[in-house]
């Protein structure tokens, strides 16, 4: 049971071979992309990186489905969810349950990916080794009651690989191997590591504006890679806020996207912490991280 796991689990449990195979395969594909570079393929990959990581994971999986920081029409919710599946981070039931579990047990036993178990564990180890978690895992059910009542979310959680597969076929047909390698493999690996940095780096390095009970930190460079998700201390202090950048200089494209939806009448009941006047930002050492 996940809630019984302590801080001694790092790489001491069996390898999850299916997950490991796909992660290794995509990394090989990302390296292969470097030998098929074209500017068009690169542009496609950057656009899809934003669609999957920003629109899909940031605006959809995270700020809408997990924290319900705003409301949107069902068709828009489903569209954002499909974009989220393109990140290769699992379906919405898995992703949302894991993140809610993280917030409930941040940096404590039961946190699926705490750097208290080591930075490498928090970044990728929790996926490669340990208890296999999937949409039907009993531990996840209590965290996503509303998603399990939604037929679309149940279906897309089971078949989350279908949109990525269709997209790969389209890219191969339109632009050949360069489009496929850059638009699927390279940008997916970039997006995965960007998301994983929120689990690892933003609990290890950066500044703390709020004295939360966890190790969450704000990181400008992680925010750049994740379209605003790197303002993690802000987020843990105000988890329902759809705005994570709480100072004028905190770059938050995912919030800008939600604001655009609100302007178009496609988002309402938007929960957003107001921009704050920053008087001090505290840099703290990472004394709590025992392993790397």
C-alpha atoms as a PDB file:
ATOM      1  CA  UNK A   1       0.000   0.000   0.000  1.00  0.00           C
ATOM      2  CA  UNK A   2       1.356   3.406  -0.933  1.00  0.00           C
ATOM      3  CA  UNK A   3       0.484   5.009   2.372  1.00  0.00           C
ATOM      4  CA  UNK A   4       2.613   2.408   4.177  1.00  0.00           C
ATOM      5  CA  UNK A   5       5.747   3.191   2.214  1.00  0.00           C
ATOM      6  CA  UNK A   6       8.393   4.973   4.219  1.00  0.00           C
ATOM      7  CA  UNK A   7      11.523   6.845   3.266  1.00  0.00           C
ATOM      8  CA  UNK A   8      13.581   3.663   2.714  1.00  0.00           C
ATOM      9  CA  UNK A   9      12.096   2.678  -0.643  1.00  0.00           C
ATOM     10  CA  UNK A  10      14.601   4.336  -2.990  1.00  0.00           C
ATOM     11  CA  UNK A  11      15.480   1.847  -5.756  1.00  0.00           C
ATOM     12  CA  UNK A  12      14.964  -1.072  -3.363  1.00  0.00           C
ATOM     13  CA  UNK A  13      11.865  -2.410  -5.084  1.00  0.00           C
ATOM     14  CA  UNK A  14      11.534  -4.263  -8.414  1.00  0.00           C
ATOM     15  CA  UNK A  15      11.926  -2.414 -11.702  1.00  0.00           C
ATOM     16  CA  UNK A  16       8.666  -1.541 -13.474  1.00  0.00           C
ATOM     17  CA  UNK A  17       9.738  -2.948 -16.824  1.00  0.00           C
ATOM     18  CA  UNK A  18       6.938  -1.632 -19.056  1.00  0.00           C
ATOM     19  CA  UNK A  19       7.414   1.957 -17.880  1.00  0.00           C
ATOM     20  CA  UNK A  20      11.188   1.620 -18.030  1.00  0.00           C
ATOM     21  CA  UNK A  21      11.069   0.255 -21.584  1.00  0.00           C
ATOM     22  CA  UNK A  22       9.027   3.161 -22.918  1.00  0.00           C
ATOM     23  CA  UNK A  23      11.085   5.790 -21.090  1.00  0.00           C
ATOM     24  CA  UNK A  24      14.339   4.323 -22.439  1.00  0.00           C
ATOM     25  CA  UNK A  25      12.878   3.980 -25.948  1.00  0.00           C
ATOM     26  CA  UNK A  26      11.743   7.591 -26.020  1.00  0.00           C
ATOM     27  CA  UNK A  27      15.155   8.776 -24.841  1.00  0.00           C
ATOM     28  CA  UNK A  28      16.781   6.801 -27.657  1.00  0.00           C
ATOM     29  CA  UNK A  29      14.343   8.410 -30.097  1.00  0.00           C
ATOM     30  CA  UNK A  30      15.162  11.858 -28.690  1.00  0.00           C
ATOM     31  CA  UNK A  31      18.889  11.293 -29.314  1.00  0.00           C
ATOM     32  CA  UNK A  32      18.126   9.999 -32.813  1.00  0.00           C
ATOM     33  CA  UNK A  33      16.225  13.217 -33.536  1.00  0.00           C
ATOM     34  CA  UNK A  34      19.491  15.153 -33.325  1.00  0.00           C
ATOM     35  CA  UNK A  35      20.602  13.406 -36.533  1.00  0.00           C
ATOM     36  CA  UNK A  36      17.408  14.385 -38.386  1.00  0.00           C
ATOM     37  CA  UNK A  37      17.308  18.087 -37.576  1.00  0.00           C
ATOM     38  CA  UNK A  38      15.289  20.504 -39.686  1.00  0.00           C
ATOM     39  CA  UNK A  39      13.976  23.886 -38.621  1.00  0.00           C
ATOM     40  CA  UNK A  40      10.429  22.872 -39.524  1.00  0.00           C
ATOM     41  CA  UNK A  41      10.654  19.761 -37.375  1.00  0.00           C
ATOM     42  CA  UNK A  42      12.107  21.812 -34.528  1.00  0.00           C
ATOM     43  CA  UNK A  43       9.274  24.354 -34.779  1.00  0.00           C
ATOM     44  CA  UNK A  44       6.696  21.551 -34.732  1.00  0.00           C
ATOM     45  CA  UNK A  45       8.319  20.060 -31.638  1.00  0.00           C
ATOM     46  CA  UNK A  46       8.304  23.363 -29.770  1.00  0.00           C
ATOM     47  CA  UNK A  47       4.648  23.949 -30.613  1.00  0.00           C
ATOM     48  CA  UNK A  48       3.686  20.448 -29.462  1.00  0.00           C
ATOM     49  CA  UNK A  49       5.801  20.841 -26.315  1.00  0.00           C
ATOM     50  CA  UNK A  50       3.615  23.808 -25.387  1.00  0.00           C
ATOM     51  CA  UNK A  51       0.364  22.058 -26.374  1.00  0.00           C
ATOM     52  CA  UNK A  52       1.167  18.944 -24.330  1.00  0.00           C
ATOM     53  CA  UNK A  53       3.065  20.440 -21.407  1.00  0.00           C
ATOM     54  CA  UNK A  54       1.461  23.860 -21.086  1.00  0.00           C
ATOM     55  CA  UNK A  55      -2.095  23.556 -22.378  1.00  0.00           C
ATOM     56  CA  UNK A  56      -2.524  19.876 -21.572  1.00  0.00           C
ATOM     57  CA  UNK A  57      -0.655  19.219 -18.336  1.00  0.00           C
ATOM     58  CA  UNK A  58      -0.443  22.718 -16.841  1.00  0.00           C
ATOM     59  CA  UNK A  59      -3.823  24.204 -17.726  1.00  0.00           C
ATOM     60  CA  UNK A  60      -5.691  20.899 -18.023  1.00  0.00           C
ATOM     61  CA  UNK A  61      -4.414  18.093 -15.816  1.00  0.00           C
ATOM     62  CA  UNK A  62      -3.051  20.355 -13.086  1.00  0.00           C
ATOM     63  CA  UNK A  63      -4.921  23.615 -12.659  1.00  0.00           C
ATOM     64  CA  UNK A  64      -8.312  22.407 -13.941  1.00  0.00           C
ATOM     65  CA  UNK A  65      -8.707  18.691 -13.174  1.00  0.00           C
ATOM     66  CA  UNK A  66      -6.544  18.382 -10.060  1.00  0.00           C
ATOM     67  CA  UNK A  67      -7.229  21.620  -8.216  1.00  0.00           C
ATOM     68  CA  UNK A  68     -10.413  22.819  -9.936  1.00  0.00           C
ATOM     69  CA  UNK A  69      -9.008  26.317 -10.044  1.00  0.00           C
ATOM     70  CA  UNK A  70     -11.550  27.291 -12.698  1.00  0.00           C
ATOM     71  CA  UNK A  71     -14.524  25.905 -14.594  1.00  0.00           C
ATOM     72  CA  UNK A  72     -14.870  25.473 -18.325  1.00  0.00           C
ATOM     73  CA  UNK A  73     -17.349  23.794 -20.707  1.00  0.00           C
ATOM     74  CA  UNK A  74     -17.117  20.007 -20.753  1.00  0.00           C
ATOM     75  CA  UNK A  75     -15.959  19.959 -24.355  1.00  0.00           C
ATOM     76  CA  UNK A  76     -13.095  22.304 -23.442  1.00  0.00           C
ATOM     77  CA  UNK A  77     -12.241  20.201 -20.379  1.00  0.00           C
ATOM     78  CA  UNK A  78     -12.093  17.122 -22.583  1.00  0.00           C
ATOM     79  CA  UNK A  79     -10.000  18.919 -25.205  1.00  0.00           C
ATOM     80  CA  UNK A  80      -7.488  20.029 -22.573  1.00  0.00           C
ATOM     81  CA  UNK A  81      -7.415  16.460 -21.276  1.00  0.00           C
ATOM     82  CA  UNK A  82      -6.617  15.049 -24.707  1.00  0.00           C
ATOM     83  CA  UNK A  83      -3.779  17.567 -24.981  1.00  0.00           C
ATOM     84  CA  UNK A  84      -2.540  16.300 -21.609  1.00  0.00           C
ATOM     85  CA  UNK A  85      -2.344  12.715 -22.865  1.00  0.00           C
ATOM     86  CA  UNK A  86       0.167  13.891 -25.498  1.00  0.00           C
ATOM     87  CA  UNK A  87       2.729  14.441 -22.713  1.00  0.00           C
ATOM     88  CA  UNK A  88       3.082  10.670 -22.117  1.00  0.00           C
ATOM     89  CA  UNK A  89       2.454  11.170 -18.401  1.00  0.00           C
ATOM     90  CA  UNK A  90      -0.496   8.810 -18.183  1.00  0.00           C
ATOM     91  CA  UNK A  91      -4.214   9.399 -18.262  1.00  0.00           C
ATOM     92  CA  UNK A  92      -6.065  11.972 -16.155  1.00  0.00           C
ATOM     93  CA  UNK A  93      -7.153   9.547 -13.415  1.00  0.00           C
ATOM     94  CA  UNK A  94      -3.571   8.460 -12.764  1.00  0.00           C
ATOM     95  CA  UNK A  95      -2.064  11.952 -13.046  1.00  0.00           C
ATOM     96  CA  UNK A  96      -4.654  13.718 -10.909  1.00  0.00           C
ATOM     97  CA  UNK A  97      -4.668  11.040  -8.199  1.00  0.00           C
ATOM     98  CA  UNK A  98      -0.873  11.047  -7.920  1.00  0.00           C
ATOM     99  CA  UNK A  99      -0.771  14.830  -7.649  1.00  0.00           C
ATOM    100  CA  UNK A 100      -3.532  14.996  -5.057  1.00  0.00           C
ATOM    101  CA  UNK A 101      -1.689  12.293  -3.126  1.00  0.00           C
ATOM    102  CA  UNK A 102       1.438  14.440  -3.308  1.00  0.00           C
ATOM    103  CA  UNK A 103      -0.367  17.456  -1.875  1.00  0.00           C
ATOM    104  CA  UNK A 104      -1.942  15.435   0.931  1.00  0.00           C
ATOM    105  CA  UNK A 105       1.396  13.905   1.993  1.00  0.00           C
ATOM    106  CA  UNK A 106       3.994  16.369   0.733  1.00  0.00           C
ATOM    107  CA  UNK A 107       7.502  15.318   1.832  1.00  0.00           C
ATOM    108  CA  UNK A 108       6.026  12.727   4.202  1.00  0.00           C
ATOM    109  CA  UNK A 109       5.504   8.958   3.954  1.00  0.00           C
ATOM    110  CA  UNK A 110       2.867   8.499   1.285  1.00  0.00           C
ATOM    111  CA  UNK A 111       4.246  11.193  -1.028  1.00  0.00           C
ATOM    112  CA  UNK A 112       4.826   9.326  -4.320  1.00  0.00           C
ATOM    113  CA  UNK A 113       7.892  11.384  -5.272  1.00  0.00           C
ATOM    114  CA  UNK A 114       9.522  13.256  -2.411  1.00  0.00           C
ATOM    115  CA  UNK A 115      13.213  14.280  -2.550  1.00  0.00           C
ATOM    116  CA  UNK A 116      13.334  13.125   1.059  1.00  0.00           C
ATOM    117  CA  UNK A 117      13.915   9.749  -0.602  1.00  0.00           C
ATOM    118  CA  UNK A 118      16.612  11.262  -2.824  1.00  0.00           C
ATOM    119  CA  UNK A 119      16.646  13.728  -5.686  1.00  0.00           C
ATOM    120  CA  UNK A 120      16.987  11.027  -8.350  1.00  0.00           C
ATOM    121  CA  UNK A 121      14.093   9.107  -6.816  1.00  0.00           C
ATOM    122  CA  UNK A 122      11.864  12.198  -6.924  1.00  0.00           C
ATOM    123  CA  UNK A 123      12.862  12.943 -10.513  1.00  0.00           C
ATOM    124  CA  UNK A 124      12.466   9.543 -12.148  1.00  0.00           C
ATOM    125  CA  UNK A 125      13.119   6.687  -9.734  1.00  0.00           C
ATOM    126  CA  UNK A 126       9.544   6.551  -8.444  1.00  0.00           C
ATOM    127  CA  UNK A 127       8.426   5.675 -11.971  1.00  0.00           C
ATOM    128  CA  UNK A 128      11.139   3.125 -12.771  1.00  0.00           C
ATOM    129  CA  UNK A 129      11.056   1.132  -9.539  1.00  0.00           C
ATOM    130  CA  UNK A 130       8.557   0.460  -6.825  1.00  0.00           C
ATOM    131  CA  UNK A 131       4.897  -0.392  -6.778  1.00  0.00           C
ATOM    132  CA  UNK A 132       3.273  -0.293 -10.191  1.00  0.00           C
ATOM    133  CA  UNK A 133       0.523   2.323 -10.177  1.00  0.00           C
ATOM    134  CA  UNK A 134      -2.140   2.557 -12.847  1.00  0.00           C
ATOM    135  CA  UNK A 135      -5.681   3.787 -13.360  1.00  0.00           C
ATOM    136  CA  UNK A 136      -7.224   0.805 -11.568  1.00  0.00           C
ATOM    137  CA  UNK A 137      -4.955   0.863  -8.514  1.00  0.00           C
ATOM    138  CA  UNK A 138      -7.102   0.745  -5.389  1.00  0.00           C
ATOM    139  CA  UNK A 139      -4.931   3.401  -3.732  1.00  0.00           C
ATOM    140  CA  UNK A 140      -5.870   5.966  -6.373  1.00  0.00           C
ATOM    141  CA  UNK A 141      -9.664   5.598  -6.217  1.00  0.00           C
ATOM    142  CA  UNK A 142     -10.334   7.811  -3.163  1.00  0.00           C
ATOM    143  CA  UNK A 143      -8.438  10.700  -4.734  1.00  0.00           C
ATOM    144  CA  UNK A 144     -10.472  10.977  -7.963  1.00  0.00           C
ATOM    145  CA  UNK A 145     -14.144  10.274  -7.178  1.00  0.00           C
ATOM    146  CA  UNK A 146     -15.471  12.819  -9.682  1.00  0.00           C
ATOM    147  CA  UNK A 147     -13.279  11.620 -12.545  1.00  0.00           C
ATOM    148  CA  UNK A 148     -14.308   8.004 -12.026  1.00  0.00           C
ATOM    149  CA  UNK A 149     -17.938   9.051 -12.536  1.00  0.00           C
ATOM    150  CA  UNK A 150     -17.126  10.661 -15.889  1.00  0.00           C
ATOM    151  CA  UNK A 151     -17.244   8.184 -18.779  1.00  0.00           C
ATOM    152  CA  UNK A 152     -14.886  10.199 -20.935  1.00  0.00           C
ATOM    153  CA  UNK A 153     -12.207  10.471 -18.260  1.00  0.00           C
ATOM    154  CA  UNK A 154     -12.483   6.758 -17.517  1.00  0.00           C
ATOM    155  CA  UNK A 155     -12.164   5.952 -21.226  1.00  0.00           C
ATOM    156  CA  UNK A 156      -9.274   8.313 -21.980  1.00  0.00           C
ATOM    157  CA  UNK A 157      -7.451   7.136 -18.862  1.00  0.00           C
ATOM    158  CA  UNK A 158      -7.510   3.580 -20.193  1.00  0.00           C
ATOM    159  CA  UNK A 159      -6.670   4.556 -23.773  1.00  0.00           C
ATOM    160  CA  UNK A 160      -4.437   7.579 -23.099  1.00  0.00           C
ATOM    161  CA  UNK A 161      -1.824   6.324 -25.591  1.00  0.00           C
ATOM    162  CA  UNK A 162      -4.240   6.543 -28.547  1.00  0.00           C
ATOM    163  CA  UNK A 163      -3.981  10.340 -29.217  1.00  0.00           C
ATOM    164  CA  UNK A 164      -0.167  10.144 -29.126  1.00  0.00           C
ATOM    165  CA  UNK A 165      -0.190   7.202 -31.546  1.00  0.00           C
ATOM    166  CA  UNK A 166      -2.523   8.988 -33.966  1.00  0.00           C
ATOM    167  CA  UNK A 167      -0.412  12.146 -33.772  1.00  0.00           C
ATOM    168  CA  UNK A 168       2.720  10.120 -34.504  1.00  0.00           C
ATOM    169  CA  UNK A 169       1.127   8.658 -37.615  1.00  0.00           C
ATOM    170  CA  UNK A 170       0.066  12.101 -38.828  1.00  0.00           C
ATOM    171  CA  UNK A 171       3.532  13.581 -38.258  1.00  0.00           C
ATOM    172  CA  UNK A 172       5.212  10.696 -40.079  1.00  0.00           C
ATOM    173  CA  UNK A 173       2.842  11.085 -43.036  1.00  0.00           C
ATOM    174  CA  UNK A 174       3.252  14.863 -43.219  1.00  0.00           C
ATOM    175  CA  UNK A 175       6.932  15.377 -42.459  1.00  0.00           C
ATOM    176  CA  UNK A 176       8.628  11.995 -42.427  1.00  0.00           C
ATOM    177  CA  UNK A 177      11.170  10.893 -39.838  1.00  0.00           C
ATOM    178  CA  UNK A 178      12.250  14.415 -38.791  1.00  0.00           C
ATOM    179  CA  UNK A 179       8.680  15.362 -37.812  1.00  0.00           C
ATOM    180  CA  UNK A 180       8.142  12.054 -36.026  1.00  0.00           C
ATOM    181  CA  UNK A 181      11.427  12.082 -34.088  1.00  0.00           C
ATOM    182  CA  UNK A 182      11.229  15.751 -33.113  1.00  0.00           C
ATOM    183  CA  UNK A 183       7.442  16.060 -32.745  1.00  0.00           C
ATOM    184  CA  UNK A 184       7.016  12.893 -30.679  1.00  0.00           C
ATOM    185  CA  UNK A 185      10.266  11.646 -29.182  1.00  0.00           C
ATOM    186  CA  UNK A 186      12.380  14.760 -28.581  1.00  0.00           C
ATOM    187  CA  UNK A 187       9.638  17.081 -27.342  1.00  0.00           C
ATOM    188  CA  UNK A 188       8.137  14.298 -25.181  1.00  0.00           C
ATOM    189  CA  UNK A 189      11.442  13.670 -23.407  1.00  0.00           C
ATOM    190  CA  UNK A 190      11.907  17.415 -22.945  1.00  0.00           C
ATOM    191  CA  UNK A 191       8.412  17.666 -21.492  1.00  0.00           C
ATOM    192  CA  UNK A 192       8.858  14.671 -19.204  1.00  0.00           C
ATOM    193  CA  UNK A 193      12.038  15.999 -17.643  1.00  0.00           C
ATOM    194  CA  UNK A 194      10.477  19.438 -17.309  1.00  0.00           C
ATOM    195  CA  UNK A 195       7.551  17.997 -15.354  1.00  0.00           C
ATOM    196  CA  UNK A 196       9.832  15.759 -13.298  1.00  0.00           C
ATOM    197  CA  UNK A 197      11.871  18.815 -12.317  1.00  0.00           C
ATOM    198  CA  UNK A 198       8.800  20.132 -10.526  1.00  0.00           C
ATOM    199  CA  UNK A 199       8.833  16.947  -8.430  1.00  0.00           C
ATOM    200  CA  UNK A 200      12.556  17.105  -7.737  1.00  0.00           C
ATOM    201  CA  UNK A 201      14.202  20.510  -8.288  1.00  0.00           C
ATOM    202  CA  UNK A 202      11.399  22.660  -6.880  1.00  0.00           C
ATOM    203  CA  UNK A 203      11.579  20.742  -3.618  1.00  0.00           C
ATOM    204  CA  UNK A 204      15.366  21.079  -3.460  1.00  0.00           C
ATOM    205  CA  UNK A 205      16.568  24.430  -4.828  1.00  0.00           C
ATOM    206  CA  UNK A 206      15.102  27.910  -5.022  1.00  0.00           C
ATOM    207  CA  UNK A 207      13.402  30.571  -2.931  1.00  0.00           C
ATOM    208  CA  UNK A 208      10.561  30.360  -0.448  1.00  0.00           C
ATOM    209  CA  UNK A 209       8.059  33.194  -0.190  1.00  0.00           C
ATOM    210  CA  UNK A 210       5.702  31.284   2.098  1.00  0.00           C
ATOM    211  CA  UNK A 211       6.636  29.249   5.200  1.00  0.00           C
ATOM    212  CA  UNK A 212       4.785  26.106   4.104  1.00  0.00           C
ATOM    213  CA  UNK A 213       5.220  22.887   6.076  1.00  0.00           C
ATOM    214  CA  UNK A 214       6.938  21.217   3.111  1.00  0.00           C
ATOM    215  CA  UNK A 215      10.137  21.881   1.140  1.00  0.00           C
ATOM    216  CA  UNK A 216       8.460  23.508  -1.890  1.00  0.00           C
ATOM    217  CA  UNK A 217      10.446  26.249  -3.600  1.00  0.00           C
ATOM    218  CA  UNK A 218      10.051  28.750  -6.417  1.00  0.00           C
ATOM    219  CA  UNK A 219      12.324  28.215  -9.402  1.00  0.00           C
ATOM    220  CA  UNK A 220      12.501  30.636 -12.323  1.00  0.00           C
ATOM    221  CA  UNK A 221      14.254  28.199 -14.657  1.00  0.00           C
ATOM    222  CA  UNK A 222      11.792  25.381 -13.920  1.00  0.00           C
ATOM    223  CA  UNK A 223       8.945  27.844 -14.508  1.00  0.00           C
ATOM    224  CA  UNK A 224      10.406  28.599 -17.945  1.00  0.00           C
ATOM    225  CA  UNK A 225      10.513  24.882 -18.800  1.00  0.00           C
ATOM    226  CA  UNK A 226       6.987  24.198 -17.547  1.00  0.00           C
ATOM    227  CA  UNK A 227       5.111  27.316 -18.654  1.00  0.00           C
ATOM    228  CA  UNK A 228       4.720  28.553 -15.085  1.00  0.00           C
ATOM    229  CA  UNK A 229       4.576  25.399 -12.959  1.00  0.00           C
ATOM    230  CA  UNK A 230       7.932  26.161 -11.349  1.00  0.00           C
ATOM    231  CA  UNK A 231       6.493  28.685  -8.868  1.00  0.00           C
ATOM    232  CA  UNK A 232       5.975  25.707  -6.625  1.00  0.00           C
ATOM    233  CA  UNK A 233       6.167  27.351  -3.209  1.00  0.00           C
ATOM    234  CA  UNK A 234       3.470  29.787  -4.339  1.00  0.00           C
ATOM    235  CA  UNK A 235       1.410  26.823  -5.500  1.00  0.00           C
ATOM    236  CA  UNK A 236       1.735  24.823  -2.286  1.00  0.00           C
ATOM    237  CA  UNK A 237       0.776  27.899  -0.276  1.00  0.00           C
ATOM    238  CA  UNK A 238      -2.299  28.527  -2.474  1.00  0.00           C
ATOM    239  CA  UNK A 239      -3.028  25.229  -4.260  1.00  0.00           C
ATOM    240  CA  UNK A 240      -6.391  26.226  -5.735  1.00  0.00           C
ATOM    241  CA  UNK A 241      -5.109  29.425  -7.292  1.00  0.00           C
ATOM    242  CA  UNK A 242      -5.033  29.235 -11.088  1.00  0.00           C
ATOM    243  CA  UNK A 243      -2.307  31.872 -11.021  1.00  0.00           C
ATOM    244  CA  UNK A 244       1.036  30.515  -9.826  1.00  0.00           C
ATOM    245  CA  UNK A 245       3.161  33.543 -10.642  1.00  0.00           C
ATOM    246  CA  UNK A 246       2.338  35.892  -7.773  1.00  0.00           C
ATOM    247  CA  UNK A 247       4.807  38.687  -8.517  1.00  0.00           C
ATOM    248  CA  UNK A 248       4.957  40.825 -11.648  1.00  0.00           C
ATOM    249  CA  UNK A 249       8.182  39.177 -12.775  1.00  0.00           C
ATOM    250  CA  UNK A 250       7.015  35.580 -12.271  1.00  0.00           C
ATOM    251  CA  UNK A 251       6.459  34.309 -15.823  1.00  0.00           C
ATOM    252  CA  UNK A 252       3.290  32.178 -15.915  1.00  0.00           C
ATOM    253  CA  UNK A 253       2.062  31.344 -19.453  1.00  0.00           C
ATOM    254  CA  UNK A 254      -0.432  28.775 -18.171  1.00  0.00           C
ATOM    255  CA  UNK A 255      -2.172  31.551 -16.252  1.00  0.00           C
ATOM    256  CA  UNK A 256      -2.155  33.712 -19.363  1.00  0.00           C
ATOM    257  CA  UNK A 257      -3.867  30.848 -21.205  1.00  0.00           C
ATOM    258  CA  UNK A 258      -6.547  30.545 -18.532  1.00  0.00           C
ATOM    259  CA  UNK A 259      -7.023  34.319 -18.645  1.00  0.00           C
ATOM    260  CA  UNK A 260      -7.514  34.073 -22.427  1.00  0.00           C
ATOM    261  CA  UNK A 261     -10.181  31.411 -21.908  1.00  0.00           C
ATOM    262  CA  UNK A 262     -11.920  33.667 -19.387  1.00  0.00           C
ATOM    263  CA  UNK A 263     -11.791  36.592 -21.832  1.00  0.00           C
ATOM    264  CA  UNK A 264     -13.433  34.368 -24.467  1.00  0.00           C
ATOM    265  CA  UNK A 265     -16.128  33.250 -22.024  1.00  0.00           C
ATOM    266  CA  UNK A 266     -14.704  29.724 -21.873  1.00  0.00           C
ATOM    267  CA  UNK A 267     -13.572  29.877 -18.226  1.00  0.00           C
ATOM    268  CA  UNK A 268     -15.420  31.117 -15.171  1.00  0.00           C
ATOM    269  CA  UNK A 269     -15.275  30.920 -11.380  1.00  0.00           C
ATOM    270  CA  UNK A 270     -11.551  31.389 -11.786  1.00  0.00           C
ATOM    271  CA  UNK A 271      -9.763  31.168  -8.442  1.00  0.00           C
ATOM    272  CA  UNK A 272      -6.687  33.382  -8.600  1.00  0.00           C
ATOM    273  CA  UNK A 273      -4.462  34.786  -5.886  1.00  0.00           C
ATOM    274  CA  UNK A 274      -3.793  38.476  -6.528  1.00  0.00           C
ATOM    275  CA  UNK A 275      -0.379  39.709  -7.570  1.00  0.00           C
ATOM    276  CA  UNK A 276       1.522  40.514  -4.397  1.00  0.00           C
ATOM    277  CA  UNK A 277       3.990  43.209  -3.517  1.00  0.00           C
ATOM    278  CA  UNK A 278       7.136  41.265  -2.734  1.00  0.00           C
ATOM    279  CA  UNK A 279       9.162  42.597   0.175  1.00  0.00           C
ATOM    280  CA  UNK A 280      11.474  39.650   0.743  1.00  0.00           C
ATOM    281  CA  UNK A 281      12.354  36.348  -0.836  1.00  0.00           C
ATOM    282  CA  UNK A 282      14.148  33.841   1.341  1.00  0.00           C
ATOM    283  CA  UNK A 283      16.815  31.569  -0.107  1.00  0.00           C
ATOM    284  CA  UNK A 284      17.142  28.429   1.969  1.00  0.00           C
ATOM    285  CA  UNK A 285      19.721  25.640   1.883  1.00  0.00           C
ATOM    286  CA  UNK A 286      18.557  22.122   1.231  1.00  0.00           C
ATOM    287  CA  UNK A 287      19.475  20.571   4.544  1.00  0.00           C
ATOM    288  CA  UNK A 288      16.612  18.093   4.473  1.00  0.00           C
ATOM    289  CA  UNK A 289      17.752  16.233   1.357  1.00  0.00           C
ATOM    290  CA  UNK A 290      19.766  13.301   2.599  1.00  0.00           C
ATOM    291  CA  UNK A 291      20.330  11.516  -0.696  1.00  0.00           C
ATOM    292  CA  UNK A 292      20.889  12.515  -4.318  1.00  0.00           C
END
